[in-house]
């Protein structure tokens, strides 16, 4: 328990007056305060103005939710505060990346960039949309492209993405071939090309499509081909490929 000392001691025949009463009450001291001595969770200036000694060294803990008390005369205008902070120039030591809504880049500080191509020829059935098997990766900064099973890019971050798909195919003369970008299994953008070569079974039609898409987490992108007649999609790093780059 705390030890209390009177601020004034009256003599046996001394007159009780206002001055001496104030000295008795106002000038007393309290020492050896422990946590149990404080029951209302409030310490005011009036309660501690006359405390002497190491009065608070035995307090067990700071209540849950308490903040950090700045040094004397330090104002909070020079440190980060709750809410909007428009003048922060750098942040270090973050263990969780800031979301895009907080001005960060989301779950990763690295933007997405992938490059892949079809290394083998692929038979395309006439009048059927067929997914292109981009089975060889050139680069994949965030491991978002599946070149073994689904041949697709799956976004791990919200953003704007540039998608480029290019194909080379052999087919019948005066028949068209369409190359397309699919988003989440649905046709998004397409471009049509016609094989006007005199020797259609040996000459190739080459075409491509590019588009900018808004993607959410787990949205996926694939490349597709459609041919008016049966044709062969030519594999090769420089002929049938896909590139995706995150812009924002």
Protein backbone atom coordinates (compact mmCIF):
# COMPACT_ATOMS: atom_id res chain seq x y z
CA UNK A 1 0.00 0.00 0.00
CA UNK A 2 0.99 3.62 -0.41
CA UNK A 3 2.57 5.57 2.46
CA UNK A 4 0.88 8.92 3.12
CA UNK A 5 2.60 11.82 4.89
CA UNK A 6 0.75 14.86 6.28
CA UNK A 7 1.80 18.20 4.96
CA UNK A 8 1.34 19.89 8.30
CA UNK A 9 1.21 18.84 11.98
CA UNK A 10 -0.84 20.95 14.41
CA UNK A 11 0.50 21.76 17.82
CA UNK A 12 -1.52 20.91 20.93
CA UNK A 13 -2.76 24.47 21.40
CA UNK A 14 -2.35 25.76 17.80
CA UNK A 15 -5.20 27.57 16.13
CA UNK A 16 -6.86 25.80 13.22
CA UNK A 17 -6.98 28.24 10.31
CA UNK A 18 -7.32 28.08 6.53
CA UNK A 19 -3.58 28.35 5.90
CA UNK A 20 -2.74 25.45 8.14
CA UNK A 21 -5.59 23.33 6.79
CA UNK A 22 -4.32 23.82 3.23
CA UNK A 23 -0.83 22.85 4.35
CA UNK A 24 -2.24 19.68 5.92
CA UNK A 25 -4.06 18.59 2.77
CA UNK A 26 -2.27 20.15 -0.20
CA UNK A 27 1.34 19.64 0.80
CA UNK A 28 1.18 15.99 1.77
CA UNK A 29 3.12 13.33 -0.12
CA UNK A 30 2.39 9.77 -1.28
CA UNK A 31 5.15 7.18 -1.80
CA UNK A 32 5.39 3.49 -2.75
CA UNK A 33 2.26 3.55 -4.93
CA UNK A 34 1.54 0.17 -6.56
CA UNK A 35 -0.96 -0.92 -9.19
CA UNK A 36 -3.55 -1.96 -6.58
CA UNK A 37 -3.61 1.59 -5.19
CA UNK A 38 -5.17 2.89 -8.41
CA UNK A 39 -8.72 1.66 -8.80
CA UNK A 40 -10.46 4.05 -11.21
CA UNK A 41 -7.95 3.85 -14.11
CA UNK A 42 -7.50 7.62 -13.98
CA UNK A 43 -4.49 9.55 -12.78
CA UNK A 44 -5.03 13.33 -12.77
CA UNK A 45 -2.57 16.13 -12.21
CA UNK A 46 -4.18 16.85 -8.84
CA UNK A 47 -3.49 13.30 -7.66
CA UNK A 48 0.19 13.22 -8.49
CA UNK A 49 1.39 16.82 -8.10
CA UNK A 50 2.87 16.12 -4.65
CA UNK A 51 4.01 12.51 -5.17
CA UNK A 52 7.65 11.98 -4.30
CA UNK A 53 10.11 9.19 -4.83
CA UNK A 54 9.89 6.29 -7.29
CA UNK A 55 6.12 6.34 -7.07
CA UNK A 56 5.23 4.49 -10.23
CA UNK A 57 8.01 1.97 -10.60
CA UNK A 58 5.88 -0.90 -9.30
CA UNK A 59 2.95 -0.54 -11.71
CA UNK A 60 2.34 -3.96 -13.30
CA UNK A 61 1.28 -2.97 -16.83
CA UNK A 62 -0.12 -0.33 -19.14
CA UNK A 63 -3.86 -0.88 -19.88
CA UNK A 64 -4.75 -2.52 -23.23
CA UNK A 65 -5.03 -0.03 -26.06
CA UNK A 66 -2.76 2.56 -24.56
CA UNK A 67 -0.64 4.54 -26.95
CA UNK A 68 2.96 5.72 -26.75
CA UNK A 69 3.51 8.88 -24.70
CA UNK A 70 5.86 11.23 -26.56
CA UNK A 71 8.76 12.96 -24.91
CA UNK A 72 8.17 16.31 -23.25
CA UNK A 73 7.08 19.08 -25.66
CA UNK A 74 6.93 16.67 -28.64
CA UNK A 75 3.84 17.14 -30.80
CA UNK A 76 2.34 14.39 -32.95
CA UNK A 77 2.38 16.51 -36.11
CA UNK A 78 5.87 15.21 -36.93
CA UNK A 79 4.99 11.51 -36.85
CA UNK A 80 2.61 9.24 -38.77
CA UNK A 81 -0.93 9.39 -37.52
CA UNK A 82 -4.10 7.38 -38.04
CA UNK A 83 -5.90 8.21 -41.30
CA UNK A 84 -4.52 10.04 -44.31
CA UNK A 85 -0.82 10.98 -44.30
CA UNK A 86 0.00 12.94 -47.42
CA UNK A 87 3.64 13.79 -46.71
CA UNK A 88 5.21 10.38 -46.01
CA UNK A 89 8.24 10.05 -48.30
CA UNK A 90 9.35 6.49 -47.53
CA UNK A 91 8.46 3.38 -45.53
CA UNK A 92 10.88 0.71 -44.36
CA UNK A 93 10.51 -2.52 -42.46
CA UNK A 94 6.99 -3.36 -43.64
CA UNK A 95 6.15 -7.03 -43.08
CA UNK A 96 2.89 -6.82 -45.08
CA UNK A 97 2.83 -4.93 -48.41
CA UNK A 98 0.35 -2.07 -48.64
CA UNK A 99 -2.78 -2.72 -50.71
CA UNK A 100 -3.39 -0.73 -53.90
CA UNK A 101 -6.12 1.26 -52.12
CA UNK A 102 -3.50 2.36 -49.58
CA UNK A 103 -1.11 3.49 -52.28
CA UNK A 104 0.84 0.22 -52.44
CA UNK A 105 1.12 -2.46 -55.08
CA UNK A 106 -0.82 -5.25 -53.40
CA UNK A 107 0.50 -8.63 -52.35
CA UNK A 108 3.84 -8.23 -54.06
CA UNK A 109 6.18 -5.36 -54.81
CA UNK A 110 7.05 -6.91 -58.22
CA UNK A 111 4.83 -6.20 -61.24
CA UNK A 112 3.76 -9.21 -63.29
CA UNK A 113 5.55 -9.99 -66.56
CA UNK A 114 5.33 -13.32 -68.39
CA UNK A 115 6.52 -14.64 -71.72
CA UNK A 116 5.67 -18.08 -73.10
CA UNK A 117 5.41 -19.84 -76.46
CA UNK A 118 4.22 -23.06 -78.08
CA UNK A 119 7.28 -25.19 -78.77
CA UNK A 120 5.31 -27.87 -80.66
CA UNK A 121 2.93 -27.84 -83.63
CA UNK A 122 -0.75 -28.15 -82.70
CA UNK A 123 -3.59 -29.54 -84.86
CA UNK A 124 -6.60 -27.23 -84.99
CA UNK A 125 -10.03 -28.67 -85.75
CA UNK A 126 -12.11 -26.66 -88.21
CA UNK A 127 -14.81 -24.29 -86.92
CA UNK A 128 -13.84 -24.88 -83.29
CA UNK A 129 -12.33 -22.52 -80.75
CA UNK A 130 -9.14 -24.21 -79.51
CA UNK A 131 -6.91 -23.14 -76.65
CA UNK A 132 -3.30 -22.57 -77.64
CA UNK A 133 -0.83 -24.73 -75.70
CA UNK A 134 1.87 -22.27 -74.65
CA UNK A 135 4.03 -24.95 -73.06
CA UNK A 136 7.40 -23.22 -72.72
CA UNK A 137 8.08 -20.27 -70.44
CA UNK A 138 10.64 -17.58 -71.14
CA UNK A 139 10.06 -15.60 -67.94
CA UNK A 140 7.43 -15.34 -65.20
CA UNK A 141 8.21 -12.80 -62.47
CA UNK A 142 5.52 -13.87 -59.97
CA UNK A 143 4.92 -17.52 -60.96
CA UNK A 144 1.47 -16.79 -62.40
CA UNK A 145 1.61 -18.69 -65.70
CA UNK A 146 0.73 -22.39 -65.98
CA UNK A 147 2.64 -23.86 -68.92
CA UNK A 148 1.94 -27.52 -68.03
CA UNK A 149 -1.81 -28.04 -67.63
CA UNK A 150 -4.11 -25.08 -68.31
CA UNK A 151 -1.75 -22.88 -70.35
CA UNK A 152 -3.09 -19.76 -68.69
CA UNK A 153 -2.06 -16.69 -66.73
CA UNK A 154 -3.81 -16.25 -63.34
CA UNK A 155 -3.49 -12.80 -61.74
CA UNK A 156 -2.35 -12.55 -58.13
CA UNK A 157 -2.83 -8.76 -58.00
CA UNK A 158 -5.49 -6.27 -59.05
CA UNK A 159 -4.32 -4.12 -61.96
CA UNK A 160 -4.26 -3.20 -65.64
CA UNK A 161 -2.51 -5.71 -67.90
CA UNK A 162 -1.30 -5.63 -71.50
CA UNK A 163 -1.84 -8.96 -73.29
CA UNK A 164 -0.27 -9.90 -76.64
CA UNK A 165 -0.99 -13.17 -78.47
CA UNK A 166 0.67 -14.04 -81.80
CA UNK A 167 0.14 -17.10 -84.03
CA UNK A 168 1.46 -18.70 -87.20
CA UNK A 169 -0.76 -21.29 -88.93
CA UNK A 170 -0.92 -23.31 -92.17
CA UNK A 171 -4.36 -23.77 -93.72
CA UNK A 172 -6.44 -23.67 -96.89
CA UNK A 173 -6.30 -20.77 -99.33
CA UNK A 174 -8.92 -18.01 -98.89
CA UNK A 175 -9.98 -19.38 -95.52
CA UNK A 176 -9.82 -17.30 -92.38
CA UNK A 177 -8.08 -17.83 -89.05
CA UNK A 178 -9.01 -15.94 -85.87
CA UNK A 179 -6.72 -15.33 -82.88
CA UNK A 180 -8.30 -14.29 -79.58
CA UNK A 181 -7.75 -13.33 -75.96
CA UNK A 182 -10.04 -15.11 -73.48
CA UNK A 183 -10.74 -13.77 -69.98
CA UNK A 184 -12.10 -16.21 -67.40
CA UNK A 185 -13.08 -18.67 -70.14
CA UNK A 186 -14.97 -16.09 -72.25
CA UNK A 187 -13.98 -14.42 -75.52
CA UNK A 188 -12.70 -10.91 -74.79
CA UNK A 189 -10.93 -9.62 -77.96
CA UNK A 190 -10.25 -11.19 -81.36
CA UNK A 191 -8.62 -10.47 -84.72
CA UNK A 192 -9.30 -12.27 -88.04
CA UNK A 193 -6.82 -13.08 -90.79
CA UNK A 194 -7.28 -14.64 -94.25
CA UNK A 195 -4.81 -16.99 -95.93
CA UNK A 196 -4.50 -15.55 -99.44
CA UNK A 197 -1.30 -17.41 -100.35
CA UNK A 198 -1.09 -19.20 -103.65
CA UNK A 199 0.32 -22.28 -101.94
CA UNK A 200 -1.84 -22.48 -98.81
CA UNK A 201 -0.55 -25.76 -97.42
CA UNK A 202 3.06 -24.61 -97.31
CA UNK A 203 2.73 -20.88 -96.66
CA UNK A 204 1.68 -19.53 -93.31
CA UNK A 205 -0.84 -16.97 -92.14
CA UNK A 206 0.60 -14.89 -89.33
CA UNK A 207 -1.54 -12.76 -87.06
CA UNK A 208 -1.77 -11.31 -83.60
CA UNK A 209 -4.00 -9.54 -81.09
CA UNK A 210 -3.22 -7.13 -78.26
CA UNK A 211 -5.51 -5.79 -75.53
CA UNK A 212 -5.42 -4.02 -72.18
CA UNK A 213 -7.54 -5.66 -69.47
CA UNK A 214 -8.54 -4.88 -65.91
CA UNK A 215 -7.91 -7.96 -63.79
CA UNK A 216 -8.87 -8.86 -60.26
CA UNK A 217 -7.13 -11.50 -58.14
CA UNK A 218 -7.71 -15.00 -59.64
CA UNK A 219 -8.90 -13.68 -63.02
CA UNK A 220 -7.20 -15.71 -65.76
CA UNK A 221 -6.12 -15.12 -69.35
CA UNK A 222 -5.72 -17.61 -72.21
CA UNK A 223 -4.97 -17.51 -75.93
CA UNK A 224 -7.33 -19.18 -78.44
CA UNK A 225 -7.43 -19.87 -82.17
CA UNK A 226 -10.37 -20.51 -84.52
CA UNK A 227 -9.94 -21.78 -88.09
CA UNK A 228 -12.53 -22.00 -90.87
CA UNK A 229 -10.89 -25.25 -91.95
CA UNK A 230 -8.55 -27.75 -90.33
CA UNK A 231 -5.09 -26.24 -90.01
CA UNK A 232 -1.78 -26.63 -88.19
CA UNK A 233 -0.63 -24.12 -85.61
CA UNK A 234 3.13 -23.72 -85.98
CA UNK A 235 5.16 -24.01 -82.81
CA UNK A 236 8.13 -21.75 -82.29
CA UNK A 237 9.50 -19.04 -80.02
CA UNK A 238 9.22 -16.42 -82.75
CA UNK A 239 5.86 -17.47 -84.24
CA UNK A 240 3.26 -18.59 -81.65
CA UNK A 241 3.66 -16.82 -78.32
CA UNK A 242 1.99 -14.89 -75.51
CA UNK A 243 3.29 -11.92 -73.51
CA UNK A 244 1.54 -10.31 -70.52
CA UNK A 245 2.80 -7.27 -68.62
CA UNK A 246 1.18 -5.47 -65.70
CA UNK A 247 0.89 -1.75 -66.35
CA UNK A 248 -0.68 -0.50 -63.13
